[in-house]
Amino acid sequence: MVITHSVIKNPGEKGYASEWNAEHIFDDENRALRGSSFIVAASDSRDKERADYVCDGVADEVEINTAIDELPDTGGGIQLLEGTYDIDSKIIIDKDNVLIMGLGRATKIQTNNNIYMIHANNKTGVLIGNLRLYGAGAGNGSNIGIVLETVTESFIDKCWIEHCGGLGLFFDTCNTITVSNCKIFNITNFGIQTTDCTECAFLGCSIHSNDASGILIDAGERNIVANNLVYENEQMGIYISFSNNNIITDNVVRDNDYSNLALFDGIRLSAADRNIVANNRCMNNDRYEIRINTATCDRNLIHGNIAEGTDHVETISDAGTNTLLADNVTL
């Protein structure tokens, strides 16, 4: 296929895509076009002319899912322009190697329905980034920002996830997922919950003001929780349950158990073996700053943490077996 343009731009010149698109000439107009990337505009995006799909502000998942469906089987990219996308049902990533990228907080996906907002199942190579997801709020327990099930080798980066009635992020039986630089807040349940996930990393996120724990790692192996700011959640800051060989390091965990019930801890391990909890700064979590909860917690290393505050029951509580406590500062 040959494409020619009557308008030719020199290096460094600027202009709208419409200046190029208006006078495309195809030598085979009957050949179907299947690109490896598409641009989707919201109903209130400024520059709709350069978009492949334009939403109308009602059930905008239809246009987004159509764009994903039109990607080749090998994957590709979906660029969401600035604006608000109102969705009634979930955005489905139904093939491998798909990128969905917005333009930062200016790209807002919102719903009033009790739905998963973005969902991938049994896929690899997914990248979701630079989006704001605004959920349906309390009373919508199945409303989750992003759900990944049996997904591998994937990334979520620079997303704002808020106001969901269920969870911010939920991963089930995933491995090698990286979540980085996200802000997850005002969620009715857990900010992040994983079940049976291995070798996933949660890095540099701000997770706060959620109605349950900030991060729950359940039945997992060899995950990393590092360099996060986890604060003012109603339950635990970071909760490791039935999970082994994880690393929890260099986090700031403060003011969790925010309603001062003295029921929840900054960092808690339950039925969890051979984990490393190191170099965290735990402050003013209302019960214990760090708690090894049960004797079924075996051979955990609690090293180099600073546990302090005036608003707690105790700094470090160890009911575990063969716990190694070393070089912690308690104030």
Protein backbone atom coordinates (compact mmCIF):
# COMPACT_ATOMS: atom_id res chain seq x y z
CA MET A 1 0.00 0.00 0.00
CA VAL A 2 1.33 3.44 -0.90
CA ILE A 3 0.34 6.53 1.02
CA THR A 4 1.17 10.00 -0.30
CA HIS A 5 0.65 13.44 1.20
CA SER A 6 0.16 16.78 -0.48
CA VAL A 7 1.43 18.42 2.72
CA ILE A 8 5.04 17.62 3.58
CA LYS A 9 6.50 18.87 6.84
CA ASN A 10 10.16 19.48 7.37
CA PRO A 11 11.97 18.36 10.56
CA GLY A 12 10.95 20.58 13.48
CA GLU A 13 7.70 21.85 11.94
CA LYS A 14 4.53 21.54 13.98
CA GLY A 15 0.90 20.99 13.07
CA TYR A 16 -2.29 19.05 13.71
CA ALA A 17 -2.77 15.53 12.49
CA SER A 18 -5.73 16.73 10.39
CA GLU A 19 -3.27 18.54 8.11
CA TRP A 20 -1.83 15.15 7.26
CA ASN A 21 -4.98 13.05 7.32
CA ALA A 22 -7.17 15.22 5.13
CA GLU A 23 -5.33 14.42 1.93
CA HIS A 24 -4.11 10.84 2.34
CA ILE A 25 -4.19 9.01 -0.97
CA PHE A 26 -4.37 5.19 -0.89
CA ASP A 27 -3.67 3.06 -3.91
CA ASP A 28 -5.87 0.26 -2.49
CA GLU A 29 -8.93 1.66 -0.74
CA ASN A 30 -10.45 -1.80 -0.30
CA ARG A 31 -7.65 -3.06 1.93
CA ALA A 32 -8.62 -3.15 5.61
CA LEU A 33 -6.48 -1.02 7.88
CA ARG A 34 -5.34 -2.70 11.10
CA GLY A 35 -2.89 -0.59 13.03
CA SER A 36 -0.76 -1.61 15.98
CA SER A 37 -1.81 1.54 17.88
CA PHE A 38 -4.95 3.65 18.10
CA ILE A 39 -5.87 7.00 19.62
CA VAL A 40 -9.15 7.31 21.51
CA ALA A 41 -10.68 10.69 22.39
CA ALA A 42 -13.17 11.45 25.14
CA SER A 43 -16.29 13.42 24.35
CA ASP A 44 -14.59 16.47 25.85
CA SER A 45 -11.09 15.97 24.44
CA ARG A 46 -9.77 19.05 22.69
CA ASP A 47 -8.25 17.54 19.57
CA LYS A 48 -10.65 14.87 18.35
CA GLU A 49 -9.46 15.13 14.76
CA ARG A 50 -6.38 13.04 15.41
CA ALA A 51 -8.34 10.24 17.13
CA ASP A 52 -9.22 6.90 15.58
CA TYR A 53 -12.21 6.52 17.93
CA VAL A 54 -14.24 9.29 19.58
CA CYS A 55 -16.38 8.54 22.64
CA ASP A 56 -19.78 10.16 23.18
CA GLY A 57 -19.77 10.29 27.00
CA VAL A 58 -22.11 7.28 27.37
CA ALA A 59 -20.76 3.72 27.79
CA ASP A 60 -17.34 4.88 26.61
CA GLU A 61 -15.94 1.40 27.23
CA VAL A 62 -17.55 0.44 23.91
CA GLU A 63 -15.18 2.60 21.88
CA ILE A 64 -12.17 1.69 24.01
CA ASN A 65 -12.89 -2.05 23.79
CA THR A 66 -13.43 -1.76 20.05
CA ALA A 67 -10.02 -0.14 19.72
CA ILE A 68 -8.44 -2.98 21.74
CA ASP A 69 -10.26 -5.58 19.63
CA GLU A 70 -8.91 -3.97 16.45
CA LEU A 71 -5.29 -4.32 17.58
CA PRO A 72 -3.44 -7.15 15.91
CA ASP A 73 -3.23 -10.44 17.79
CA THR A 74 0.37 -9.60 18.69
CA GLY A 75 -0.82 -6.58 20.71
CA GLY A 76 -0.28 -2.85 20.44
CA GLY A 77 -1.09 0.45 22.11
CA ILE A 78 -4.19 2.44 23.01
CA GLN A 79 -3.60 6.15 23.69
CA LEU A 80 -6.43 7.81 25.64
CA LEU A 81 -6.46 11.58 25.20
CA GLU A 82 -7.27 14.01 27.99
CA GLY A 83 -10.88 14.17 29.10
CA THR A 84 -13.47 12.14 31.02
CA TYR A 85 -14.47 8.64 29.94
CA ASP A 86 -17.76 7.45 31.49
CA ILE A 87 -17.96 3.66 31.53
CA ASP A 88 -20.93 1.40 32.33
CA SER A 89 -19.03 -1.91 32.15
CA LYS A 90 -15.40 -2.93 32.24
CA ILE A 91 -12.58 -2.19 29.84
CA ILE A 92 -11.34 -5.63 28.78
CA ILE A 93 -7.75 -6.33 27.80
CA ASP A 94 -8.37 -9.44 25.72
CA LYS A 95 -4.95 -10.03 24.14
CA ASP A 96 -1.29 -10.08 25.13
CA ASN A 97 1.13 -7.17 24.89
CA VAL A 98 -1.43 -4.38 25.16
CA LEU A 99 -0.54 -0.90 26.39
CA ILE A 100 -3.27 1.45 27.65
CA MET A 101 -1.80 4.88 28.29
CA GLY A 102 -3.40 8.17 29.25
CA LEU A 103 -2.07 11.69 29.57
CA GLY A 104 -1.76 11.67 33.34
CA ARG A 105 -4.44 12.82 35.74
CA ALA A 106 -6.13 14.70 32.90
CA THR A 107 -7.28 11.34 31.50
CA LYS A 108 -10.10 10.31 33.84
CA ILE A 109 -12.04 7.05 33.62
CA GLN A 110 -15.08 7.08 35.90
CA THR A 111 -18.09 4.91 36.67
CA ASN A 112 -21.22 4.89 38.78
CA ASN A 113 -21.59 1.12 38.42
CA ASN A 114 -20.52 -1.85 40.55
CA ILE A 115 -17.89 -3.08 38.07
CA TYR A 116 -14.24 -3.86 37.51
CA MET A 117 -13.01 -0.80 35.66
CA ILE A 118 -10.07 -2.41 33.82
CA HIS A 119 -9.74 -6.21 33.65
CA ALA A 120 -7.20 -8.62 32.17
CA ASN A 121 -7.39 -12.40 32.53
CA ASN A 122 -4.72 -14.92 31.50
CA LYS A 123 -2.63 -12.36 29.63
CA THR A 124 1.02 -11.31 29.52
CA GLY A 125 2.82 -8.10 28.69
CA VAL A 126 0.10 -5.69 29.85
CA LEU A 127 1.07 -2.07 30.57
CA ILE A 128 -1.42 0.38 32.11
CA GLY A 129 -0.20 3.88 32.86
CA ASN A 130 -0.88 7.58 33.30
CA LEU A 131 -4.59 7.23 34.08
CA ARG A 132 -7.00 8.43 36.75
CA LEU A 133 -9.62 5.85 37.76
CA TYR A 134 -12.55 7.21 39.78
CA GLY A 135 -14.91 4.56 41.10
CA ALA A 136 -18.52 4.27 42.21
CA GLY A 137 -17.92 4.66 45.95
CA ALA A 138 -19.28 2.94 49.04
CA GLY A 139 -21.98 0.32 48.63
CA ASN A 140 -20.40 -1.04 45.45
CA GLY A 141 -18.28 -3.90 46.78
CA SER A 142 -17.40 -5.31 43.34
CA ASN A 143 -16.19 -1.96 42.04
CA ILE A 144 -12.41 -2.38 41.63
CA GLY A 145 -10.06 -0.08 39.77
CA ILE A 146 -7.85 -2.69 38.07
CA VAL A 147 -8.19 -6.49 38.25
CA LEU A 148 -5.46 -8.80 36.94
CA GLU A 149 -6.05 -12.57 37.03
CA THR A 150 -3.34 -15.04 35.98
CA VAL A 151 -1.41 -12.18 34.39
CA THR A 152 2.38 -12.20 33.98
CA GLU A 153 5.22 -9.86 33.01
CA SER A 154 3.13 -6.70 33.30
CA PHE A 155 3.26 -3.14 34.68
CA ILE A 156 0.95 -0.56 36.24
CA ASP A 157 2.61 2.83 36.49
CA LYS A 158 1.67 6.39 37.44
CA CYS A 159 -2.05 5.82 38.00
CA TRP A 160 -4.41 7.62 40.38
CA ILE A 161 -7.01 5.18 41.72
CA GLU A 162 -9.68 6.52 44.06
CA HIS A 163 -13.24 6.26 45.35
CA CYS A 164 -13.74 2.59 44.47
CA GLY A 165 -16.37 0.73 46.50
CA GLY A 166 -14.35 -2.49 46.58
CA LEU A 167 -10.58 -2.47 46.04
CA GLY A 168 -8.10 -0.22 44.33
CA LEU A 169 -6.02 -3.02 42.77
CA PHE A 170 -6.68 -6.76 42.94
CA PHE A 171 -4.30 -9.43 41.62
CA ASP A 172 -5.11 -13.14 41.67
CA THR A 173 -2.54 -15.82 40.76
CA CYS A 174 -0.27 -13.36 39.01
CA ASN A 175 3.50 -13.24 38.80
CA THR A 176 6.15 -10.72 37.85
CA ILE A 177 3.80 -7.73 38.03
CA THR A 178 5.28 -4.34 38.93
CA VAL A 179 3.15 -1.53 40.37
CA SER A 180 5.05 1.74 40.62
CA ASN A 181 4.48 5.41 41.36
CA CYS A 182 0.71 5.06 41.86
CA LYS A 183 -1.57 6.93 44.25
CA ILE A 184 -4.36 4.76 45.70
CA PHE A 185 -6.74 6.38 48.16
CA ASN A 186 -10.29 6.73 49.45
CA ILE A 187 -11.04 3.07 48.69
CA THR A 188 -13.85 1.40 50.68
CA ASN A 189 -11.80 -1.78 51.20
CA PHE A 190 -8.08 -2.56 50.67
CA GLY A 191 -5.96 -0.23 48.59
CA ILE A 192 -4.04 -3.19 47.11
CA GLN A 193 -4.90 -6.87 47.61
CA THR A 194 -3.04 -9.83 46.11
CA THR A 195 -3.90 -13.53 46.39
CA ASP A 196 -1.47 -16.32 45.47
CA CYS A 197 0.89 -13.99 43.61
CA THR A 198 4.64 -14.49 43.21
CA GLU A 199 7.54 -12.19 42.46
CA CYS A 200 5.43 -9.05 42.20
CA ALA A 201 6.79 -5.64 43.20
CA PHE A 202 4.99 -2.64 44.72
CA LEU A 203 7.33 0.32 44.51
CA GLY A 204 7.13 4.01 45.29
CA CYS A 205 3.36 4.26 45.74
CA SER A 206 1.28 6.49 48.01
CA ILE A 207 -1.49 4.41 49.61
CA HIS A 208 -3.67 6.21 52.12
CA SER A 209 -7.10 6.98 53.54
CA ASN A 210 -8.56 3.56 52.69
CA ASP A 211 -11.22 1.89 54.83
CA ALA A 212 -9.30 -1.38 55.30
CA SER A 213 -5.54 -2.03 55.05
CA GLY A 214 -3.29 -0.21 52.64
CA ILE A 215 -1.59 -3.35 51.23
CA LEU A 216 -2.59 -7.00 51.79
CA ILE A 217 -0.26 -9.71 50.45
CA ASP A 218 -2.15 -12.99 50.95
CA ALA A 219 -0.84 -16.49 50.14
CA GLY A 220 2.06 -15.16 48.12
CA GLU A 221 5.78 -15.85 47.64
CA ARG A 222 8.84 -13.71 46.95
CA ASN A 223 7.08 -10.36 46.56
CA ILE A 224 8.68 -6.96 47.22
CA VAL A 225 7.00 -4.02 48.96
CA ALA A 226 9.47 -1.14 48.91
CA ASN A 227 9.72 2.64 49.13
CA ASN A 228 6.00 3.21 49.61
CA LEU A 229 4.25 5.83 51.72
CA VAL A 230 1.40 4.00 53.52
CA TYR A 231 -0.60 6.13 55.92
CA GLU A 232 -3.95 6.90 57.54
CA ASN A 233 -5.61 3.62 56.55
CA GLU A 234 -8.34 2.34 58.86
CA GLN A 235 -6.70 -1.07 59.39
CA MET A 236 -3.10 -2.20 58.82
CA GLY A 237 -0.63 -0.29 56.76
CA ILE A 238 1.03 -3.43 55.32
CA TYR A 239 -0.37 -6.90 56.05
CA ILE A 240 1.50 -10.09 55.07
CA SER A 241 -0.72 -13.16 55.55
CA PHE A 242 0.10 -16.81 54.75
CA SER A 243 2.94 -15.49 52.60
CA ASN A 244 6.60 -16.48 52.64
CA ASN A 245 9.97 -15.14 51.50
CA ASN A 246 8.76 -11.59 50.90
CA ILE A 247 10.78 -8.39 51.36
CA ILE A 248 9.19 -5.35 53.02
CA THR A 249 11.76 -2.58 53.02
CA ASP A 250 12.26 1.18 53.09
CA ASN A 251 8.59 2.06 53.53
CA VAL A 252 7.16 4.91 55.58
CA VAL A 253 4.18 3.44 57.47
CA ARG A 254 2.42 5.93 59.71
CA ASP A 255 -0.88 6.70 61.42
CA ASN A 256 -2.66 3.50 60.41
CA ASP A 257 -5.53 2.21 62.56
CA TYR A 258 -6.55 5.75 61.86
CA SER A 259 -9.69 5.71 64.03
CA ASN A 260 -7.50 4.81 67.04
CA LEU A 261 -9.22 1.53 67.83
CA ALA A 262 -5.97 -0.15 68.98
CA LEU A 263 -6.91 -3.17 66.82
CA PHE A 264 -4.54 -2.82 63.89
CA ASP A 265 -0.81 -2.45 63.29
CA GLY A 266 1.58 -0.63 61.03
CA ILE A 267 3.15 -3.82 59.62
CA ARG A 268 1.69 -7.22 60.55
CA LEU A 269 2.86 -10.74 59.69
CA SER A 270 0.46 -13.67 60.22
CA ALA A 271 1.30 -17.30 59.37
CA ALA A 272 4.20 -15.95 57.32
CA ASP A 273 7.71 -17.46 57.21
CA ARG A 274 11.18 -16.28 56.21
CA ASN A 275 10.19 -12.72 55.41
CA ILE A 276 12.51 -9.74 55.67
CA VAL A 277 11.12 -6.57 57.26
CA ALA A 278 13.95 -4.06 57.09
CA ASN A 279 14.70 -0.35 57.12
CA ASN A 280 11.09 0.77 57.48
CA ARG A 281 10.03 3.91 59.34
CA CYS A 282 6.91 3.07 61.38
CA MET A 283 5.30 5.91 63.31
CA ASN A 284 2.14 6.38 65.36
CA ASN A 285 0.34 3.26 64.19
CA ASP A 286 -2.26 2.83 66.89
CA ARG A 287 -1.54 -0.67 68.22
CA TYR A 288 1.91 -2.05 67.28
CA GLU A 289 4.31 -0.48 64.86
CA ILE A 290 5.47 -3.95 63.75
CA ARG A 291 3.77 -7.17 64.84
CA ILE A 292 4.73 -10.80 64.33
CA ASN A 293 1.27 -12.04 65.09
CA THR A 294 1.40 -15.81 65.69
CA ALA A 295 3.76 -18.67 66.54
CA THR A 296 3.14 -19.97 63.01
CA CYS A 297 5.36 -17.13 61.81
CA ASP A 298 8.77 -18.80 61.58
CA ARG A 299 12.28 -17.45 60.92
CA ASN A 300 11.43 -13.88 59.99
CA LEU A 301 14.09 -11.18 60.02
CA ILE A 302 13.11 -7.82 61.54
CA HIS A 303 16.13 -5.58 60.99
CA GLY A 304 17.06 -1.93 61.01
CA ASN A 305 13.57 -0.49 61.43
CA ILE A 306 12.69 2.68 63.30
CA ALA A 307 9.51 2.17 65.34
CA GLU A 308 8.35 5.19 67.24
CA GLY A 309 5.41 7.26 68.36
CA THR A 310 3.30 8.41 71.24
CA ASP A 311 0.09 6.93 69.90
CA HIS A 312 0.61 3.18 70.08
CA VAL A 313 0.38 0.24 72.46
CA GLU A 314 3.94 -0.93 71.82
CA THR A 315 6.67 -0.60 69.20
CA ILE A 316 7.47 -4.19 68.16
CA SER A 317 5.50 -7.27 69.23
CA ASP A 318 6.97 -10.71 68.50
CA ALA A 319 4.82 -13.81 69.03
CA GLY A 320 6.66 -15.68 66.28
CA THR A 321 9.07 -18.62 66.25
CA ASN A 322 12.80 -18.16 65.60
CA THR A 323 12.37 -14.47 64.84
CA LEU A 324 15.63 -12.59 64.40
CA LEU A 325 15.31 -9.04 65.75
CA ALA A 326 18.39 -6.93 65.07
CA ASP A 327 19.40 -3.28 65.09
CA ASN A 328 15.88 -1.85 65.38
CA VAL A 329 15.40 1.57 66.93
CA THR A 330 12.36 1.84 69.21
CA LEU A 331 11.22 5.11 70.69
